[in-house]
């Protein structure tokens, strides 16, 4: 089971503001490496309560088979109503780490 993001995963993050937000957060938390673990990504997602409410994650049937689903709820500031509706992002990811990374990248936009 993949436990943290790789250098390849980091290369999929756009340079500029998203990268700076992530590196600033890691520096604030005194993490010396940007290769976040599953726990660190969950911690990161909980840092944005004004924009994003992290729901849950589970193994589900997706369009192309089974994969990880990360349930996310966007707040009013991001076009949603807090606690209502929400967006369920199902990744065709065999690894929880990869599904969480896709959610982290979405929040960093």
N, C-alpha and C. Protein backbone atom coordinates (compact mmCIF):
# COMPACT_ATOMS: atom_id res chain seq x y z
N UNK A 1 0.84 -1.18 0.00
CA UNK A 1 0.00 0.00 0.00
C UNK A 1 0.89 1.25 0.00
N UNK A 2 0.60 2.13 -0.90
CA UNK A 2 1.34 3.39 -1.02
C UNK A 2 1.03 4.26 0.20
N UNK A 3 2.06 4.74 0.88
CA UNK A 3 1.89 5.49 2.12
C UNK A 3 2.05 7.00 1.97
N UNK A 4 2.76 7.45 0.94
CA UNK A 4 2.93 8.89 0.75
C UNK A 4 3.13 9.21 -0.72
N UNK A 5 2.96 10.49 -1.05
CA UNK A 5 3.09 10.90 -2.44
C UNK A 5 4.56 10.83 -2.86
N UNK A 6 4.76 10.70 -4.15
CA UNK A 6 6.11 10.55 -4.70
C UNK A 6 6.55 11.84 -5.39
N UNK A 7 7.78 11.86 -5.83
CA UNK A 7 8.28 13.00 -6.60
C UNK A 7 7.45 13.17 -7.87
N UNK A 8 7.07 12.07 -8.50
CA UNK A 8 6.21 12.14 -9.70
C UNK A 8 4.89 12.84 -9.36
N UNK A 9 4.28 12.48 -8.21
CA UNK A 9 3.03 13.13 -7.80
C UNK A 9 3.23 14.63 -7.62
N UNK A 10 4.32 15.01 -6.98
CA UNK A 10 4.60 16.44 -6.77
C UNK A 10 4.75 17.17 -8.09
N UNK A 11 5.28 16.49 -9.10
CA UNK A 11 5.44 17.11 -10.41
C UNK A 11 4.10 17.41 -11.08
N UNK A 12 3.01 16.80 -10.62
CA UNK A 12 1.69 17.08 -11.19
C UNK A 12 1.05 18.31 -10.57
N UNK A 13 1.67 18.86 -9.54
CA UNK A 13 1.16 20.07 -8.89
C UNK A 13 1.67 21.29 -9.66
N UNK A 14 0.75 22.16 -10.10
CA UNK A 14 1.20 23.35 -10.83
C UNK A 14 2.14 24.21 -9.99
N UNK A 15 3.15 24.78 -10.63
CA UNK A 15 4.05 25.67 -9.92
C UNK A 15 3.30 26.96 -9.58
N UNK A 16 3.90 27.78 -8.79
CA UNK A 16 3.27 29.05 -8.42
C UNK A 16 2.49 28.91 -7.13
N UNK A 17 1.30 29.51 -7.10
CA UNK A 17 0.50 29.59 -5.87
C UNK A 17 0.20 28.24 -5.23
N UNK A 18 -0.28 27.21 -5.98
CA UNK A 18 -0.56 25.94 -5.31
C UNK A 18 0.67 25.34 -4.63
N UNK A 19 1.81 25.37 -5.33
CA UNK A 19 3.03 24.82 -4.74
C UNK A 19 3.45 25.62 -3.51
N UNK A 20 3.34 26.94 -3.59
CA UNK A 20 3.72 27.80 -2.47
C UNK A 20 2.82 27.55 -1.26
N UNK A 21 1.50 27.40 -1.49
CA UNK A 21 0.59 27.11 -0.38
C UNK A 21 0.98 25.82 0.33
N UNK A 22 1.30 24.80 -0.46
CA UNK A 22 1.67 23.53 0.14
C UNK A 22 3.00 23.62 0.87
N UNK A 23 3.99 24.26 0.26
CA UNK A 23 5.29 24.36 0.92
C UNK A 23 5.22 25.24 2.16
N UNK A 24 4.42 26.30 2.13
CA UNK A 24 4.23 27.15 3.33
C UNK A 24 3.58 26.35 4.45
N UNK A 25 2.59 25.53 4.11
CA UNK A 25 1.91 24.73 5.12
C UNK A 25 2.88 23.72 5.73
N UNK A 26 3.68 23.08 4.89
CA UNK A 26 4.67 22.11 5.39
C UNK A 26 5.69 22.79 6.30
N UNK A 27 6.11 23.98 5.91
CA UNK A 27 7.07 24.73 6.73
C UNK A 27 6.45 25.10 8.08
N UNK A 28 5.20 25.54 8.06
CA UNK A 28 4.49 25.92 9.29
C UNK A 28 4.37 24.72 10.24
N UNK A 29 4.15 23.55 9.68
CA UNK A 29 4.01 22.32 10.47
C UNK A 29 5.35 21.69 10.81
N UNK A 30 6.42 22.31 10.31
CA UNK A 30 7.78 21.83 10.50
C UNK A 30 8.01 20.46 9.86
N UNK A 31 7.33 20.22 8.74
CA UNK A 31 7.59 19.02 7.96
C UNK A 31 8.74 19.34 7.03
N UNK A 32 9.74 18.52 7.01
CA UNK A 32 10.94 18.81 6.22
C UNK A 32 10.85 18.29 4.79
N UNK A 33 9.77 17.59 4.48
CA UNK A 33 9.64 16.96 3.17
C UNK A 33 8.24 17.21 2.63
N UNK A 34 8.13 17.47 1.33
CA UNK A 34 6.82 17.67 0.70
C UNK A 34 6.16 16.36 0.30
N UNK A 35 6.81 15.24 0.52
CA UNK A 35 6.24 13.93 0.18
C UNK A 35 5.27 13.54 1.30
N UNK A 36 4.07 14.11 1.26
CA UNK A 36 3.10 13.94 2.33
C UNK A 36 2.62 12.51 2.48
N UNK A 37 2.39 12.13 3.73
CA UNK A 37 1.81 10.81 4.01
C UNK A 37 0.29 10.92 3.96
N UNK A 38 -0.38 9.79 4.04
CA UNK A 38 -1.84 9.78 4.07
C UNK A 38 -2.34 10.62 5.23
N UNK A 39 -1.77 10.44 6.40
CA UNK A 39 -2.19 11.21 7.58
C UNK A 39 -1.97 12.70 7.42
N UNK A 40 -0.84 13.09 6.82
CA UNK A 40 -0.55 14.50 6.61
C UNK A 40 -1.53 15.11 5.61
N UNK A 41 -1.92 14.35 4.59
CA UNK A 41 -2.90 14.89 3.63
C UNK A 41 -4.27 15.07 4.29
N UNK A 42 -4.66 14.14 5.14
CA UNK A 42 -5.92 14.30 5.89
C UNK A 42 -5.82 15.52 6.79
N UNK A 43 -4.69 15.69 7.46
CA UNK A 43 -4.47 16.87 8.31
C UNK A 43 -4.56 18.15 7.47
N UNK A 44 -3.94 18.13 6.29
CA UNK A 44 -3.98 19.29 5.41
C UNK A 44 -5.42 19.64 5.03
N UNK A 45 -6.20 18.63 4.66
CA UNK A 45 -7.59 18.87 4.24
C UNK A 45 -8.43 19.47 5.37
N UNK A 46 -8.09 19.17 6.60
CA UNK A 46 -8.82 19.74 7.74
C UNK A 46 -8.41 21.19 8.03
N UNK A 47 -7.40 21.69 7.35
CA UNK A 47 -6.91 23.06 7.59
C UNK A 47 -7.72 24.13 6.86
N UNK A 48 -8.69 23.75 6.03
CA UNK A 48 -9.41 24.71 5.19
C UNK A 48 -10.90 24.74 5.52
N UNK A 49 -11.31 24.89 6.78
CA UNK A 49 -12.74 24.82 7.11
C UNK A 49 -13.57 25.94 6.50
N UNK A 50 -12.94 27.06 6.15
CA UNK A 50 -13.68 28.17 5.56
C UNK A 50 -14.01 27.90 4.09
N UNK A 51 -13.28 26.99 3.45
CA UNK A 51 -13.50 26.71 2.02
C UNK A 51 -13.97 25.30 1.75
N UNK A 52 -13.64 24.39 2.64
CA UNK A 52 -13.80 22.99 2.31
C UNK A 52 -14.05 22.18 3.57
N UNK A 53 -14.98 21.28 3.51
CA UNK A 53 -15.23 20.39 4.63
C UNK A 53 -14.98 18.97 4.14
N UNK A 54 -14.02 18.34 4.73
CA UNK A 54 -13.64 16.98 4.35
C UNK A 54 -14.64 16.01 4.95
N UNK A 55 -15.28 15.23 4.10
CA UNK A 55 -16.28 14.27 4.56
C UNK A 55 -15.64 12.97 4.99
N UNK A 56 -15.56 12.03 4.08
CA UNK A 56 -15.02 10.72 4.40
C UNK A 56 -14.40 10.12 3.14
N UNK A 57 -13.83 8.96 3.28
CA UNK A 57 -13.31 8.25 2.13
C UNK A 57 -13.69 6.78 2.26
N UNK A 58 -13.91 6.15 1.12
CA UNK A 58 -14.32 4.75 1.14
C UNK A 58 -13.99 4.08 -0.20
N UNK A 59 -13.98 2.78 -0.19
CA UNK A 59 -13.71 1.96 -1.38
C UNK A 59 -15.05 1.70 -2.04
N UNK A 60 -15.24 2.15 -3.29
CA UNK A 60 -16.54 2.04 -3.95
C UNK A 60 -16.40 1.61 -5.39
N UNK A 61 -17.54 1.25 -5.95
CA UNK A 61 -17.61 0.91 -7.37
C UNK A 61 -17.62 2.23 -8.16
N UNK A 62 -16.64 2.42 -9.02
CA UNK A 62 -16.55 3.65 -9.82
C UNK A 62 -16.82 3.30 -11.28
N UNK A 63 -16.67 4.26 -12.14
CA UNK A 63 -16.96 4.08 -13.57
C UNK A 63 -16.16 2.94 -14.18
N UNK A 64 -14.93 2.80 -13.78
CA UNK A 64 -14.07 1.78 -14.42
C UNK A 64 -13.68 0.66 -13.46
N UNK A 65 -14.49 0.42 -12.47
CA UNK A 65 -14.19 -0.63 -11.50
C UNK A 65 -14.18 -0.05 -10.09
N UNK A 66 -13.55 -0.72 -9.19
CA UNK A 66 -13.48 -0.23 -7.82
C UNK A 66 -12.35 0.77 -7.66
N UNK A 67 -12.56 1.75 -6.81
CA UNK A 67 -11.56 2.77 -6.54
C UNK A 67 -11.93 3.53 -5.28
N UNK A 68 -11.07 4.41 -4.89
CA UNK A 68 -11.30 5.20 -3.68
C UNK A 68 -12.16 6.41 -3.99
N UNK A 69 -13.14 6.68 -3.13
CA UNK A 69 -13.97 7.87 -3.22
C UNK A 69 -13.65 8.76 -2.04
N UNK A 70 -13.43 10.02 -2.30
CA UNK A 70 -13.21 11.00 -1.25
C UNK A 70 -14.41 11.92 -1.28
N UNK A 71 -15.13 11.98 -0.17
CA UNK A 71 -16.33 12.80 -0.10
C UNK A 71 -15.94 14.17 0.43
N UNK A 72 -16.29 15.19 -0.32
CA UNK A 72 -15.90 16.56 0.02
C UNK A 72 -17.12 17.45 -0.04
N UNK A 73 -17.17 18.41 0.82
CA UNK A 73 -18.26 19.37 0.83
C UNK A 73 -17.66 20.76 0.72
N UNK A 74 -18.04 21.47 -0.33
CA UNK A 74 -17.52 22.82 -0.52
C UNK A 74 -18.41 23.80 0.22
N UNK A 75 -17.81 24.77 0.86
CA UNK A 75 -18.56 25.77 1.61
C UNK A 75 -19.13 26.82 0.67
N UNK A 76 -19.92 27.71 1.22
CA UNK A 76 -20.57 28.76 0.44
C UNK A 76 -19.54 29.61 -0.33
N UNK A 77 -18.38 29.85 0.29
CA UNK A 77 -17.34 30.64 -0.37
C UNK A 77 -16.83 29.98 -1.65
N UNK A 78 -17.04 28.69 -1.75
CA UNK A 78 -16.60 27.96 -2.95
C UNK A 78 -17.78 27.50 -3.79
N UNK A 79 -18.92 28.16 -3.66
CA UNK A 79 -20.06 27.87 -4.51
C UNK A 79 -21.01 26.82 -3.99
N UNK A 80 -20.81 26.35 -2.78
CA UNK A 80 -21.70 25.34 -2.22
C UNK A 80 -22.32 25.85 -0.93
N UNK A 81 -23.22 25.10 -0.39
CA UNK A 81 -23.83 25.43 0.89
C UNK A 81 -23.18 24.55 1.95
N UNK A 82 -22.72 25.15 3.05
CA UNK A 82 -22.08 24.35 4.09
C UNK A 82 -22.99 23.22 4.56
N UNK A 83 -22.45 22.00 4.51
CA UNK A 83 -23.19 20.85 4.99
C UNK A 83 -24.29 20.36 4.09
N UNK A 84 -24.52 21.01 2.95
CA UNK A 84 -25.59 20.60 2.04
C UNK A 84 -25.02 20.29 0.68
N UNK A 85 -25.68 19.39 0.01
CA UNK A 85 -25.24 19.07 -1.35
C UNK A 85 -23.86 18.46 -1.34
N UNK A 86 -22.89 19.28 -1.59
CA UNK A 86 -21.52 18.81 -1.58
C UNK A 86 -21.14 18.14 -2.88
N UNK A 87 -19.94 17.76 -2.95
CA UNK A 87 -19.39 17.12 -4.14
C UNK A 87 -18.76 15.82 -3.69
N UNK A 88 -19.07 14.78 -4.37
CA UNK A 88 -18.40 13.51 -4.09
C UNK A 88 -17.44 13.26 -5.23
N UNK A 89 -16.19 13.19 -4.92
CA UNK A 89 -15.16 12.98 -5.94
C UNK A 89 -14.71 11.53 -5.86
N UNK A 90 -15.05 10.75 -6.86
CA UNK A 90 -14.61 9.36 -6.90
C UNK A 90 -13.45 9.26 -7.87
N UNK A 91 -12.36 8.83 -7.37
CA UNK A 91 -11.17 8.64 -8.18
C UNK A 91 -11.07 7.18 -8.55
N UNK A 92 -10.66 6.91 -9.77
CA UNK A 92 -10.39 5.53 -10.16
C UNK A 92 -8.99 5.18 -9.67
N UNK A 93 -8.78 5.36 -8.40
CA UNK A 93 -7.47 5.17 -7.80
C UNK A 93 -7.47 3.90 -6.95
N UNK A 94 -6.51 3.07 -7.19
CA UNK A 94 -6.40 1.86 -6.39
C UNK A 94 -5.78 2.15 -5.03
N UNK A 95 -5.17 3.30 -4.90
CA UNK A 95 -4.51 3.67 -3.65
C UNK A 95 -5.22 4.85 -3.00
N UNK A 96 -5.50 4.75 -1.72
CA UNK A 96 -6.10 5.85 -0.97
C UNK A 96 -5.22 7.10 -1.08
N UNK A 97 -3.91 6.90 -1.03
CA UNK A 97 -2.96 8.01 -1.12
C UNK A 97 -3.19 8.83 -2.39
N UNK A 98 -3.42 8.16 -3.52
CA UNK A 98 -3.62 8.86 -4.78
C UNK A 98 -4.93 9.63 -4.80
N UNK A 99 -5.99 9.06 -4.25
CA UNK A 99 -7.28 9.75 -4.20
C UNK A 99 -7.20 10.98 -3.31
N UNK A 100 -6.52 10.87 -2.17
CA UNK A 100 -6.36 12.03 -1.29
C UNK A 100 -5.51 13.11 -1.96
N UNK A 101 -4.47 12.72 -2.69
CA UNK A 101 -3.62 13.68 -3.38
C UNK A 101 -4.41 14.47 -4.40
N UNK A 102 -5.31 13.81 -5.15
CA UNK A 102 -6.16 14.51 -6.11
C UNK A 102 -7.04 15.54 -5.40
N UNK A 103 -7.53 15.20 -4.22
CA UNK A 103 -8.36 16.13 -3.44
C UNK A 103 -7.52 17.30 -2.94
N UNK A 104 -6.31 17.02 -2.47
CA UNK A 104 -5.41 18.10 -2.01
C UNK A 104 -5.14 19.06 -3.16
N UNK A 105 -4.86 18.53 -4.35
CA UNK A 105 -4.60 19.41 -5.50
C UNK A 105 -5.81 20.27 -5.83
N UNK A 106 -7.00 19.71 -5.69
CA UNK A 106 -8.23 20.47 -5.95
C UNK A 106 -8.38 21.63 -4.96
N UNK A 107 -8.09 21.35 -3.70
CA UNK A 107 -8.19 22.40 -2.67
C UNK A 107 -7.14 23.49 -2.89
N UNK A 108 -5.98 23.13 -3.40
CA UNK A 108 -4.91 24.11 -3.62
C UNK A 108 -5.17 25.05 -4.81
N UNK A 109 -6.11 24.70 -5.66
CA UNK A 109 -6.38 25.55 -6.84
C UNK A 109 -6.82 26.93 -6.45
